[in-house]
Amino acid sequence: MNRLLSQDEIDKVFRRSRDPNHEDRAKKAVQYDFRRPDRIAKDQLRAIHLLHDNFARNLASSLSAYLRAYVAVNLVSVEQLSFSEFIQCLPSPTCMVSLGMRPFDGNAVLELNPSLVFPLLEMLLGGSGKAATRINRETTEIEQSILDALFRIILNDLKTAWQGVSNIAFVIEGRETEPQLLQILAPNEAIVSIGLEIRVGENSGMMNIGMPSIIVKMLRHRFDQQWSMRRTDASEEHQQQMLRLLKPTTVHLDARLAGPTMDVADMLELKTGDVLSFDFPVGQPIRLTANGTLKYEGQVVAQGRRRAFFVERLVTDP
């Protein structure tokens, strides 16, 4: 139905056409990448970072108990990538598993670098984990079977970390050694990439996790509702669990007597029977470190035919 414009409406049209800022406002637009429709908000990324930071700490305790060695796990990065970009960042060959994310209809990826896999395999088979040469080959079926127990520990801690948001069961659905052959997602599909560094003794390597952004985005309301309500202080039950996992692990103790400096000329003249004088008072306590961290002060004593350390004080603030 046609109608005539009033004089007031006509004046508004003319005023709008003469307004220089109106055109600028009309030109303002937000860039949208149709290849990545599942971009995640920054606040949710921060929540994911915090979630996997807790996962890293719990995993360090679990692996330390399982391997009976000190294990450090550090969260390195949380970022959004396309699946093809994620695959290109992985070494070849490597150790990968595709994961079902039940009850959701989607797949995640978990990858362990070869620089970490083979030292871990040696430790699981009773060795020290100190490889003489760097191994860069595909894992055999027998080696993959041995690694299954390790993956179960990782996935159990990952499930526990996500329970505050959603009860996701991570299930191994396939294995692959060549990243380019893993085709569980479309190349342009957006994923959340989580990179963690695992250090065991002198060995270190990366563990990478890739999750579909569309599933993570679906859970945004649960992040808002539940993650913000999580307590920052560890419960007594959680502390007891951490203590139980840490008790079987071993640490390296080191007690050193700090001495003076000496000229090279004087050192070359040393012979059997010479006595070196240390500028160290007899009553001053000696420091004892555990894995390089100062823990105790005391004295070196004799116990039978062996040297021992008498603990005088626990250092609470190194």
Foldseek 3Di string as FASTA:
>chain_A
DDDDDDPVVVVVVVVLVPDPVNVVVVPDDDDDDPLENLDDDPVLQVLVVVLVQVLQVVLQLQVLLVLLFRKHKGWDDKDKDFLQVVLVPADAFWKKFWKDWPPDPAIKMKTWGQLPLVLVLQSLVPHPSDDPDRDDDDDDPVSVVSCPVVVVSSQVSVQVSCVLQPRIRIDTDDIDGRSVPDPRDDRSFMWIKIWMWMDTPPTITIMIMIGGSVVSRVRVVSCVVGVVVDDPDDDPVVVVVSCVSNVSHDWDKDWDDDFDDDDPVVVVPDDPPDDDDGPDDPPFWIFMATNNHTFFTFDWDDDPPDIDTDGDDTDPDD
